[in-house]
PDB file of N, CA and C in Angstrom:
ATOM      1  N   MET A   1       0.813  -1.248   0.001  1.00  0.00           N
ATOM      2  CA  MET A   1       0.037   0.062  -0.067  1.00  0.00           C
ATOM      3  C   MET A   1       0.921   1.133   0.068  1.00  0.00           C
ATOM      4  N   ALA A   2       0.411   2.089  -0.539  1.00  0.00           N
ATOM      5  CA  ALA A   2       1.245   3.416  -0.843  1.00  0.00           C
ATOM      6  C   ALA A   2       0.515   4.607  -0.157  1.00  0.00           C
ATOM      7  N   LEU A   3       1.122   5.523   0.287  1.00  0.00           N
ATOM      8  CA  LEU A   3       0.511   6.717   0.903  1.00  0.00           C
ATOM      9  C   LEU A   3       1.474   7.877   0.492  1.00  0.00           C
ATOM     10  N   GLY A   4       1.015   8.648  -0.432  1.00  0.00           N
ATOM     11  CA  GLY A   4       1.588   9.703  -0.831  1.00  0.00           C
ATOM     12  C   GLY A   4       3.186   9.276  -1.582  1.00  0.00           C
ATOM     13  N   GLY A   5       2.919   8.004  -2.426  1.00  0.00           N
ATOM     14  CA  GLY A   5       4.037   7.761  -2.972  1.00  0.00           C
ATOM     15  C   GLY A   5       5.053   6.705  -2.142  1.00  0.00           C
ATOM     16  N   THR A   6       4.850   6.779  -0.824  1.00  0.00           N
ATOM     17  CA  THR A   6       5.668   6.117   0.155  1.00  0.00           C
ATOM     18  C   THR A   6       4.893   4.550   0.376  1.00  0.00           C
ATOM     19  N   LYS A   7       5.699   3.589   0.015  1.00  0.00           N
ATOM     20  CA  LYS A   7       5.321   2.230   0.499  1.00  0.00           C
ATOM     21  C   LYS A   7       5.387   1.822   1.717  1.00  0.00           C
ATOM     22  N   ILE A   8       4.291   1.458   2.290  1.00  0.00           N
ATOM     23  CA  ILE A   8       4.111   1.426   3.927  1.00  0.00           C
ATOM     24  C   ILE A   8       3.850  -0.272   4.164  1.00  0.00           C
ATOM     25  N   PRO A   9       4.531  -0.965   4.925  1.00  0.00           N
ATOM     26  CA  PRO A   9       4.285  -2.377   5.155  1.00  0.00           C
ATOM     27  C   PRO A   9       3.207  -2.539   5.967  1.00  0.00           C
ATOM     28  N   TYR A  10       1.968  -2.675   5.389  1.00  0.00           N
ATOM     29  CA  TYR A  10       0.783  -3.247   6.213  1.00  0.00           C
ATOM     30  C   TYR A  10       0.773  -4.758   6.135  1.00  0.00           C
ATOM     31  N   GLY A  11       0.190  -5.377   7.312  1.00  0.00           N
ATOM     32  CA  GLY A  11       0.124  -6.667   7.252  1.00  0.00           C
ATOM     33  C   GLY A  11      -0.387  -7.528   8.441  1.00  0.00           C
ATOM     34  N   ILE A  12      -0.043  -8.456   8.798  1.00  0.00           N
ATOM     35  CA  ILE A  12      -0.569  -9.157  10.027  1.00  0.00           C
ATOM     36  C   ILE A  12       0.440  -8.654  11.144  1.00  0.00           C
ATOM     37  N   ALA A  13      -0.537  -8.321  12.350  1.00  0.00           N
ATOM     38  CA  ALA A  13       0.413  -8.060  13.467  1.00  0.00           C
ATOM     39  C   ALA A  13       0.057  -9.124  14.476  1.00  0.00           C
ATOM     40  N   ARG A  14       0.974 -10.032  15.128  1.00  0.00           N
ATOM     41  CA  ARG A  14       0.555 -11.215  15.906  1.00  0.00           C
ATOM     42  C   ARG A  14       1.117 -10.691  17.315  1.00  0.00           C
ATOM     43  N   ASP A  15       1.697  -9.444  17.432  1.00  0.00           N
ATOM     44  CA  ASP A  15       2.374  -9.051  18.740  1.00  0.00           C
ATOM     45  C   ASP A  15       2.608  -7.637  18.847  1.00  0.00           C
ATOM     46  N   ALA A  16       2.716  -7.031  20.016  1.00  0.00           N
ATOM     47  CA  ALA A  16       2.658  -5.541  19.953  1.00  0.00           C
ATOM     48  C   ALA A  16       3.874  -4.960  19.163  1.00  0.00           C
ATOM     49  N   ARG A  17       5.035  -5.433  19.025  1.00  0.00           N
ATOM     50  CA  ARG A  17       6.096  -4.845  18.461  1.00  0.00           C
ATOM     51  C   ARG A  17       5.651  -4.729  17.082  1.00  0.00           C
ATOM     52  N   THR A  18       5.439  -5.764  16.385  1.00  0.00           N
ATOM     53  CA  THR A  18       4.774  -5.755  14.939  1.00  0.00           C
ATOM     54  C   THR A  18       3.685  -4.500  14.716  1.00  0.00           C
ATOM     55  N   LEU A  19       2.690  -4.420  15.685  1.00  0.00           N
ATOM     56  CA  LEU A  19       1.702  -3.468  15.304  1.00  0.00           C
ATOM     57  C   LEU A  19       2.344  -2.065  15.669  1.00  0.00           C
ATOM     58  N   GLY A  20       3.145  -1.987  16.451  1.00  0.00           N
ATOM     59  CA  GLY A  20       3.718  -0.766  16.716  1.00  0.00           C
ATOM     60  C   GLY A  20       4.601  -0.251  15.686  1.00  0.00           C
ATOM     61  N   GLY A  21       5.261  -1.306  14.916  1.00  0.00           N
ATOM     62  CA  GLY A  21       6.082  -0.848  13.961  1.00  0.00           C
ATOM     63  C   GLY A  21       5.291  -0.480  12.624  1.00  0.00           C
ATOM     64  N   PHE A  22       3.908  -0.969  12.364  1.00  0.00           N
ATOM     65  CA  PHE A  22       3.169  -0.565  11.402  1.00  0.00           C
ATOM     66  C   PHE A  22       2.695   0.836  11.640  1.00  0.00           C
ATOM     67  N   ILE A  23       2.385   1.044  12.856  1.00  0.00           N
ATOM     68  CA  ILE A  23       1.998   2.573  13.133  1.00  0.00           C
ATOM     69  C   ILE A  23       3.145   3.445  13.056  1.00  0.00           C
ATOM     70  N   ARG A  24       4.374   3.146  13.317  1.00  0.00           N
ATOM     71  CA  ARG A  24       5.485   3.970  13.074  1.00  0.00           C
ATOM     72  C   ARG A  24       5.605   4.240  11.594  1.00  0.00           C
ATOM     73  N   ALA A  25       5.488   3.291  10.979  1.00  0.00           N
ATOM     74  CA  ALA A  25       5.687   3.441   9.341  1.00  0.00           C
ATOM     75  C   ALA A  25       4.601   4.087   8.944  1.00  0.00           C
ATOM     76  N   ASP A  26       3.397   4.201   9.325  1.00  0.00           N
ATOM     77  CA  ASP A  26       2.367   4.930   8.708  1.00  0.00           C
ATOM     78  C   ASP A  26       2.575   6.584   9.307  1.00  0.00           C
ATOM     79  N   ARG A  27       2.975   6.480  10.445  1.00  0.00           N
ATOM     80  CA  ARG A  27       3.193   8.086  10.890  1.00  0.00           C
ATOM     81  C   ARG A  27       4.427   8.582  10.003  1.00  0.00           C
ATOM     82  N   ARG A  28       5.422   7.888  10.130  1.00  0.00           N
ATOM     83  CA  ARG A  28       6.495   8.424   9.292  1.00  0.00           C
ATOM     84  C   ARG A  28       6.093   8.907   7.763  1.00  0.00           C
ATOM     85  N   ALA A  29       5.217   7.843   7.153  1.00  0.00           N
ATOM     86  CA  ALA A  29       4.904   7.958   5.825  1.00  0.00           C
ATOM     87  C   ALA A  29       4.034   9.595   5.822  1.00  0.00           C
ATOM     88  N   ARG A  30       3.363   9.851   6.682  1.00  0.00           N
ATOM     89  CA  ARG A  30       2.523  10.968   6.707  1.00  0.00           C
ATOM     90  C   ARG A  30       3.461  12.301   7.144  1.00  0.00           C
ATOM     91  N   LYS A  31       4.612  11.963   7.465  1.00  0.00           N
ATOM     92  CA  LYS A  31       5.693  12.999   7.860  1.00  0.00           C
ATOM     93  C   LYS A  31       5.069  13.580   9.103  1.00  0.00           C
ATOM     94  N   LEU A  32       4.576  12.758   9.853  1.00  0.00           N
ATOM     95  CA  LEU A  32       4.031  13.411  11.357  1.00  0.00           C
ATOM     96  C   LEU A  32       5.244  13.088  12.467  1.00  0.00           C
ATOM     97  N   THR A  33       5.417  13.912  13.471  1.00  0.00           N
ATOM     98  CA  THR A  33       6.323  13.499  14.634  1.00  0.00           C
ATOM     99  C   THR A  33       5.331  12.802  15.516  1.00  0.00           C
ATOM    100  N   GLN A  34       6.002  12.084  16.444  1.00  0.00           N
ATOM    101  CA  GLN A  34       5.260  11.439  17.256  1.00  0.00           C
ATOM    102  C   GLN A  34       4.480  12.658  18.263  1.00  0.00           C
ATOM    103  N   SER A  35       5.100  13.673  18.397  1.00  0.00           N
ATOM    104  CA  SER A  35       4.192  14.595  19.416  1.00  0.00           C
ATOM    105  C   SER A  35       3.178  15.227  18.675  1.00  0.00           C
ATOM    106  N   THR A  36       3.117  15.372  17.073  1.00  0.00           N
ATOM    107  CA  THR A  36       1.920  15.814  16.424  1.00  0.00           C
ATOM    108  C   THR A  36       0.892  14.716  16.419  1.00  0.00           C
ATOM    109  N   LEU A  37       1.323  13.182  16.284  1.00  0.00           N
ATOM    110  CA  LEU A  37       0.398  12.243  16.406  1.00  0.00           C
ATOM    111  C   LEU A  37      -0.198  12.127  17.712  1.00  0.00           C
ATOM    112  N   ALA A  38       0.370  12.512  18.782  1.00  0.00           N
ATOM    113  CA  ALA A  38      -0.036  12.477  20.190  1.00  0.00           C
ATOM    114  C   ALA A  38      -1.064  13.554  20.096  1.00  0.00           C
ATOM    115  N   GLY A  39      -1.000  14.621  19.866  1.00  0.00           N
ATOM    116  CA  GLY A  39      -1.964  15.710  19.764  1.00  0.00           C
ATOM    117  C   GLY A  39      -3.085  15.460  19.010  1.00  0.00           C
ATOM    118  N   LEU A  40      -3.085  14.893  17.723  1.00  0.00           N
ATOM    119  CA  LEU A  40      -4.064  14.528  16.781  1.00  0.00           C
ATOM    120  C   LEU A  40      -4.952  13.485  17.378  1.00  0.00           C
ATOM    121  N   THR A  41      -4.287  12.613  18.192  1.00  0.00           N
ATOM    122  CA  THR A  41      -5.001  11.363  18.599  1.00  0.00           C
ATOM    123  C   THR A  41      -5.701  11.570  20.082  1.00  0.00           C
ATOM    124  N   GLY A  42      -5.232  12.558  20.753  1.00  0.00           N
ATOM    125  CA  GLY A  42      -5.563  12.896  22.083  1.00  0.00           C
ATOM    126  C   GLY A  42      -4.768  11.811  23.214  1.00  0.00           C
ATOM    127  N   VAL A  43      -3.691  11.499  22.837  1.00  0.00           N
ATOM    128  CA  VAL A  43      -3.028  10.768  23.787  1.00  0.00           C
ATOM    129  C   VAL A  43      -1.659  11.311  24.103  1.00  0.00           C
ATOM    130  N   GLY A  44      -0.921  11.005  24.971  1.00  0.00           N
ATOM    131  CA  GLY A  44       0.520  11.474  25.327  1.00  0.00           C
ATOM    132  C   GLY A  44       1.626  11.238  24.457  1.00  0.00           C
ATOM    133  N   LEU A  45       2.552  12.050  24.289  1.00  0.00           N
ATOM    134  CA  LEU A  45       3.671  11.587  23.718  1.00  0.00           C
ATOM    135  C   LEU A  45       4.200  10.268  24.015  1.00  0.00           C
ATOM    136  N   ARG A  46       4.451  10.207  25.376  1.00  0.00           N
ATOM    137  CA  ARG A  46       4.866   8.733  25.905  1.00  0.00           C
ATOM    138  C   ARG A  46       4.122   7.792  25.313  1.00  0.00           C
ATOM    139  N   PHE A  47       2.882   7.773  25.469  1.00  0.00           N
ATOM    140  CA  PHE A  47       1.952   6.740  25.037  1.00  0.00           C
ATOM    141  C   PHE A  47       2.171   6.303  23.727  1.00  0.00           C
ATOM    142  N   ILE A  48       2.472   7.210  22.756  1.00  0.00           N
ATOM    143  CA  ILE A  48       2.813   6.948  21.216  1.00  0.00           C
ATOM    144  C   ILE A  48       4.144   6.252  21.237  1.00  0.00           C
ATOM    145  N   SER A  49       5.194   6.656  21.903  1.00  0.00           N
ATOM    146  CA  SER A  49       6.474   6.144  21.987  1.00  0.00           C
ATOM    147  C   SER A  49       6.401   4.597  22.465  1.00  0.00           C
ATOM    148  N   GLU A  50       5.762   4.398  23.508  1.00  0.00           N
ATOM    149  CA  GLU A  50       5.697   3.008  24.018  1.00  0.00           C
ATOM    150  C   GLU A  50       4.923   2.262  22.969  1.00  0.00           C
ATOM    151  N   LEU A  51       3.952   2.736  22.558  1.00  0.00           N
ATOM    152  CA  LEU A  51       3.096   1.934  21.361  1.00  0.00           C
ATOM    153  C   LEU A  51       3.981   1.604  20.142  1.00  0.00           C
ATOM    154  N   GLU A  52       4.645   2.459  19.843  1.00  0.00           N
ATOM    155  CA  GLU A  52       5.431   2.275  18.545  1.00  0.00           C
ATOM    156  C   GLU A  52       6.612   1.325  19.058  1.00  0.00           C
ATOM    157  N   ARG A  53       7.326   1.319  20.084  1.00  0.00           N
ATOM    158  CA  ARG A  53       8.104   0.420  20.540  1.00  0.00           C
ATOM    159  C   ARG A  53       7.686  -0.999  20.641  1.00  0.00           C
ATOM    160  N   GLY A  54       6.364  -1.116  20.834  1.00  0.00           N
ATOM    161  CA  GLY A  54       5.729  -2.483  21.068  1.00  0.00           C
ATOM    162  C   GLY A  54       5.707  -2.980  22.505  1.00  0.00           C
ATOM    163  N   LYS A  55       5.514  -1.893  23.461  1.00  0.00           N
ATOM    164  CA  LYS A  55       5.110  -2.080  24.693  1.00  0.00           C
ATOM    165  C   LYS A  55       3.809  -3.062  24.866  1.00  0.00           C
ATOM    166  N   SER A  56       3.880  -4.196  25.499  1.00  0.00           N
ATOM    167  CA  SER A  56       2.832  -5.083  25.556  1.00  0.00           C
ATOM    168  C   SER A  56       1.744  -4.555  26.411  1.00  0.00           C
ATOM    169  N   THR A  57       1.935  -3.775  27.306  1.00  0.00           N
ATOM    170  CA  THR A  57       0.913  -3.284  28.195  1.00  0.00           C
ATOM    171  C   THR A  57       0.218  -1.977  28.054  1.00  0.00           C
ATOM    172  N   VAL A  58       0.287  -1.252  26.939  1.00  0.00           N
ATOM    173  CA  VAL A  58      -0.354  -0.226  26.605  1.00  0.00           C
ATOM    174  C   VAL A  58      -1.997  -0.473  26.674  1.00  0.00           C
ATOM    175  N   GLU A  59      -2.601   0.729  26.908  1.00  0.00           N
ATOM    176  CA  GLU A  59      -4.123   0.188  26.941  1.00  0.00           C
ATOM    177  C   GLU A  59      -4.716   0.186  25.740  1.00  0.00           C
ATOM    178  N   LEU A  60      -5.626  -0.861  25.555  1.00  0.00           N
ATOM    179  CA  LEU A  60      -6.249  -1.226  24.359  1.00  0.00           C
ATOM    180  C   LEU A  60      -7.139  -0.204  23.742  1.00  0.00           C
ATOM    181  N   GLY A  61      -7.940   0.397  24.691  1.00  0.00           N
ATOM    182  CA  GLY A  61      -9.005   1.365  24.199  1.00  0.00           C
ATOM    183  C   GLY A  61      -8.191   2.657  23.506  1.00  0.00           C
ATOM    184  N   ARG A  62      -6.986   2.780  24.106  1.00  0.00           N
ATOM    185  CA  ARG A  62      -6.219   4.024  23.577  1.00  0.00           C
ATOM    186  C   ARG A  62      -5.446   3.655  22.209  1.00  0.00           C
ATOM    187  N   VAL A  63      -5.174   2.389  22.083  1.00  0.00           N
ATOM    188  CA  VAL A  63      -4.703   1.944  20.930  1.00  0.00           C
ATOM    189  C   VAL A  63      -5.661   1.924  19.692  1.00  0.00           C
ATOM    190  N   LEU A  64      -6.861   1.557  20.173  1.00  0.00           N
ATOM    191  CA  LEU A  64      -7.893   1.657  19.072  1.00  0.00           C
ATOM    192  C   LEU A  64      -8.238   3.016  18.491  1.00  0.00           C
ATOM    193  N   ARG A  65      -8.069   3.942  19.462  1.00  0.00           N
ATOM    194  CA  ARG A  65      -8.449   5.328  19.293  1.00  0.00           C
ATOM    195  C   ARG A  65      -7.253   5.982  18.427  1.00  0.00           C
ATOM    196  N   VAL A  66      -5.989   5.740  18.727  1.00  0.00           N
ATOM    197  CA  VAL A  66      -5.139   6.000  17.806  1.00  0.00           C
ATOM    198  C   VAL A  66      -5.110   5.311  16.167  1.00  0.00           C
ATOM    199  N   LEU A  67      -5.349   4.136  16.239  1.00  0.00           N
ATOM    200  CA  LEU A  67      -5.614   3.467  15.035  1.00  0.00           C
ATOM    201  C   LEU A  67      -6.968   4.168  14.387  1.00  0.00           C
ATOM    202  N   GLU A  68      -8.129   4.345  14.937  1.00  0.00           N
ATOM    203  CA  GLU A  68      -8.975   4.894  14.364  1.00  0.00           C
ATOM    204  C   GLU A  68      -8.847   6.339  13.499  1.00  0.00           C
ATOM    205  N   ARG A  69      -8.125   7.253  14.480  1.00  0.00           N
ATOM    206  CA  ARG A  69      -7.656   8.443  14.108  1.00  0.00           C
ATOM    207  C   ARG A  69      -6.754   8.679  12.914  1.00  0.00           C
ATOM    208  N   MET A  70      -6.088   7.431  12.869  1.00  0.00           N
ATOM    209  CA  MET A  70      -4.981   7.220  11.763  1.00  0.00           C
ATOM    210  C   MET A  70      -5.778   6.630  10.537  1.00  0.00           C
ATOM    211  N   GLY A  71      -6.840   6.207  10.680  1.00  0.00           N
ATOM    212  CA  GLY A  71      -7.526   5.820   9.512  1.00  0.00           C
ATOM    213  C   GLY A  71      -7.229   4.331   9.327  1.00  0.00           C
ATOM    214  N   LEU A  72      -6.687   3.774  10.271  1.00  0.00           N
ATOM    215  CA  LEU A  72      -6.331   2.180  10.489  1.00  0.00           C
ATOM    216  C   LEU A  72      -7.412   1.425  11.282  1.00  0.00           C
ATOM    217  N   GLU A  73      -7.326   0.226  10.978  1.00  0.00           N
ATOM    218  CA  GLU A  73      -8.350  -0.653  11.720  1.00  0.00           C
ATOM    219  C   GLU A  73      -7.653  -2.029  12.222  1.00  0.00           C
ATOM    220  N   VAL A  74      -8.252  -2.653  13.019  1.00  0.00           N
ATOM    221  CA  VAL A  74      -8.075  -4.105  13.496  1.00  0.00           C
ATOM    222  C   VAL A  74      -9.163  -5.146  12.845  1.00  0.00           C
ATOM    223  N   TRP A  75      -8.572  -6.032  12.286  1.00  0.00           N
ATOM    224  CA  TRP A  75      -9.579  -7.146  11.810  1.00  0.00           C
ATOM    225  C   TRP A  75      -9.153  -8.464  12.617  1.00  0.00           C
ATOM    226  N   VAL A  76     -10.092  -9.152  12.997  1.00  0.00           N
ATOM    227  CA  VAL A  76      -9.923 -10.390  13.866  1.00  0.00           C
ATOM    228  C   VAL A  76     -10.625 -11.481  13.117  1.00  0.00           C
ATOM    229  N   ILE A  77      -9.769 -12.223  12.536  1.00  0.00           N
ATOM    230  CA  ILE A  77     -10.141 -13.393  11.520  1.00  0.00           C
ATOM    231  C   ILE A  77      -9.222 -14.743  12.053  1.00  0.00           C
ATOM    232  N   PRO A  78      -9.792 -15.866  11.807  1.00  0.00           N
ATOM    233  CA  PRO A  78      -9.056 -16.971  12.265  1.00  0.00           C
ATOM    234  C   PRO A  78      -7.703 -17.173  11.687  1.00  0.00           C
ATOM    235  N   ARG A  79      -6.777 -17.633  12.239  1.00  0.00           N
ATOM    236  CA  ARG A  79      -5.446 -17.697  11.726  1.00  0.00           C
ATOM    237  C   ARG A  79      -5.455 -18.652  10.310  1.00  0.00           C
ATOM    238  N   SER A  80      -6.257 -19.675  10.419  1.00  0.00           N
ATOM    239  CA  SER A  80      -6.595 -20.730   9.487  1.00  0.00           C
ATOM    240  C   SER A  80      -7.203 -20.286   8.075  1.00  0.00           C
ATOM    241  N   ALA A  81      -7.767 -18.700   8.240  1.00  0.00           N
ATOM    242  CA  ALA A  81      -8.714 -18.560   7.284  1.00  0.00           C
ATOM    243  C   ALA A  81      -7.696 -17.776   6.184  1.00  0.00           C
ATOM    244  N   PRO A  82      -8.037 -17.968   5.025  1.00  0.00           N
ATOM    245  CA  PRO A  82      -7.184 -17.330   3.854  1.00  0.00           C
ATOM    246  C   PRO A  82      -6.985 -15.898   4.032  1.00  0.00           C
ATOM    247  N   TRP A  83      -6.040 -15.167   3.536  1.00  0.00           N
ATOM    248  CA  TRP A  83      -5.913 -13.910   3.583  1.00  0.00           C
ATOM    249  C   TRP A  83      -6.989 -13.073   2.724  1.00  0.00           C
ATOM    250  N   PRO A  84      -7.790 -12.163   3.333  1.00  0.00           N
ATOM    251  CA  PRO A  84      -8.791 -11.559   2.819  1.00  0.00           C
ATOM    252  C   PRO A  84      -8.411 -10.696   1.593  1.00  0.00           C
ATOM    253  N   THR A  85      -9.226 -10.878   0.668  1.00  0.00           N
ATOM    254  CA  THR A  85      -8.739  -9.689  -0.413  1.00  0.00           C
ATOM    255  C   THR A  85      -9.702  -8.444  -0.490  1.00  0.00           C
ATOM    256  N   GLN A  86     -10.565  -8.404   0.422  1.00  0.00           N
ATOM    257  CA  GLN A  86     -11.415  -7.282   0.555  1.00  0.00           C
ATOM    258  C   GLN A  86     -11.546  -7.204   2.066  1.00  0.00           C
ATOM    259  N   ARG A  87     -12.126  -5.937   2.570  1.00  0.00           N
ATOM    260  CA  ARG A  87     -12.348  -5.674   3.894  1.00  0.00           C
ATOM    261  C   ARG A  87     -13.812  -6.598   4.181  1.00  0.00           C
ATOM    262  N   PRO A  88     -13.778  -7.015   5.394  1.00  0.00           N
ATOM    263  CA  PRO A  88     -15.181  -7.726   5.870  1.00  0.00           C
ATOM    264  C   PRO A  88     -16.301  -6.749   5.702  1.00  0.00           C
ATOM    265  N   THR A  89     -17.383  -7.274   5.178  1.00  0.00           N
ATOM    266  CA  THR A  89     -18.563  -6.363   4.851  1.00  0.00           C
ATOM    267  C   THR A  89     -19.763  -6.636   5.973  1.00  0.00           C
ATOM    268  N   GLN A  90     -19.415  -7.617   6.598  1.00  0.00           N
ATOM    269  CA  GLN A  90     -20.660  -8.026   7.600  1.00  0.00           C
ATOM    270  C   GLN A  90     -20.073  -7.956   9.172  1.00  0.00           C
ATOM    271  N   GLN A  91     -20.869  -7.508  10.061  1.00  0.00           N
ATOM    272  CA  GLN A  91     -20.408  -7.720  11.346  1.00  0.00           C
ATOM    273  C   GLN A  91     -20.383  -9.167  11.723  1.00  0.00           C
ATOM    274  N   PRO A  92     -19.420  -9.483  12.699  1.00  0.00           N
ATOM    275  CA  PRO A  92     -19.315 -10.822  13.014  1.00  0.00           C
ATOM    276  C   PRO A  92     -20.378 -11.268  14.139  1.00  0.00           C
ATOM    277  N   GLN A  93     -20.777 -12.528  14.091  1.00  0.00           N
ATOM    278  CA  GLN A  93     -21.715 -12.849  15.182  1.00  0.00           C
ATOM    279  C   GLN A  93     -20.884 -13.146  16.388  1.00  0.00           C
ATOM    280  N   ALA A  94     -21.451 -12.585  17.594  1.00  0.00           N
ATOM    281  CA  ALA A  94     -20.790 -12.796  18.830  1.00  0.00           C
ATOM    282  C   ALA A  94     -20.993 -14.283  19.322  1.00  0.00           C
ATOM    283  N   LEU A  95     -20.087 -14.739  20.132  1.00  0.00           N
ATOM    284  CA  LEU A  95     -20.353 -16.110  20.714  1.00  0.00           C
ATOM    285  C   LEU A  95     -21.360 -16.015  21.722  1.00  0.00           C
ATOM    286  N   PRO A  96     -22.151 -16.958  22.072  1.00  0.00           N
ATOM    287  CA  PRO A  96     -23.017 -16.972  22.953  1.00  0.00           C
ATOM    288  C   PRO A  96     -22.344 -16.913  24.408  1.00  0.00           C
ATOM    289  N   PRO A  97     -22.809 -16.406  25.396  1.00  0.00           N
ATOM    290  CA  PRO A  97     -21.983 -16.232  26.620  1.00  0.00           C
ATOM    291  C   PRO A  97     -21.460 -17.639  27.216  1.00  0.00           C
ATOM    292  N   GLN A  98     -22.355 -18.553  27.035  1.00  0.00           N
ATOM    293  CA  GLN A  98     -21.682 -19.908  27.456  1.00  0.00           C
ATOM    294  C   GLN A  98     -20.556 -20.520  26.727  1.00  0.00           C
ATOM    295  N   HIS A  99     -20.259 -20.034  25.671  1.00  0.00           N
ATOM    296  CA  HIS A  99     -19.217 -20.649  24.754  1.00  0.00           C
ATOM    297  C   HIS A  99     -17.892 -19.648  25.144  1.00  0.00           C
ATOM    298  N   LEU A 100     -17.982 -18.534  25.797  1.00  0.00           N
ATOM    299  CA  LEU A 100     -16.768 -17.942  26.281  1.00  0.00           C
ATOM    300  C   LEU A 100     -15.873 -18.363  27.562  1.00  0.00           C
ATOM    301  N   ASP A 101     -16.703 -19.051  28.364  1.00  0.00           N
ATOM    302  CA  ASP A 101     -16.089 -19.864  29.287  1.00  0.00           C
ATOM    303  C   ASP A 101     -15.134 -21.055  28.580  1.00  0.00           C
ATOM    304  N   GLU A 102     -15.614 -21.625  27.602  1.00  0.00           N
ATOM    305  CA  GLU A 102     -15.044 -22.582  26.749  1.00  0.00           C
ATOM    306  C   GLU A 102     -13.690 -22.351  25.921  1.00  0.00           C
ATOM    307  N   ALA A 103     -13.778 -21.073  25.460  1.00  0.00           N
ATOM    308  CA  ALA A 103     -12.667 -20.651  24.719  1.00  0.00           C
ATOM    309  C   ALA A 103     -11.332 -20.861  25.446  1.00  0.00           C
ATOM    310  N   PRO A 104     -10.357 -21.615  24.576  1.00  0.00           N
ATOM    311  CA  PRO A 104      -9.121 -21.619  25.053  1.00  0.00           C
ATOM    312  C   PRO A 104      -8.128 -20.521  25.414  1.00  0.00           C
ATOM    313  N   GLU A 105      -7.387 -20.653  26.387  1.00  0.00           N
ATOM    314  CA  GLU A 105      -6.445 -19.356  26.908  1.00  0.00           C
ATOM    315  C   GLU A 105      -5.594 -19.140  25.795  1.00  0.00           C
ATOM    316  N   PRO A 106      -5.205 -17.767  25.712  1.00  0.00           N
ATOM    317  CA  PRO A 106      -4.047 -17.524  24.595  1.00  0.00           C
ATOM    318  C   PRO A 106      -2.517 -17.958  24.812  1.00  0.00           C
TER     319      PRO A 106
END
């Protein structure tokens, strides 16, 4: 994917470091400083720095806010599913509460 002629490595993030790297690459392609991104997304500079470095304990709600304001999103699909060629078009069906207790621990 290109943004303003710059190729950005979007893809699968299975850990905090990879997600942070994608966010950093996108920010740099937009020629934004961490400070500017923090201001635009309503979080602190330290949070952006920790997010981009892959700190695994950053607050999920704030991560989602940063992604949303950057025009990025998270997809949750089974690892066994083929790589989607287009964005999902329907809302996933939630598991009934009784199945949540049966879900394996990550």
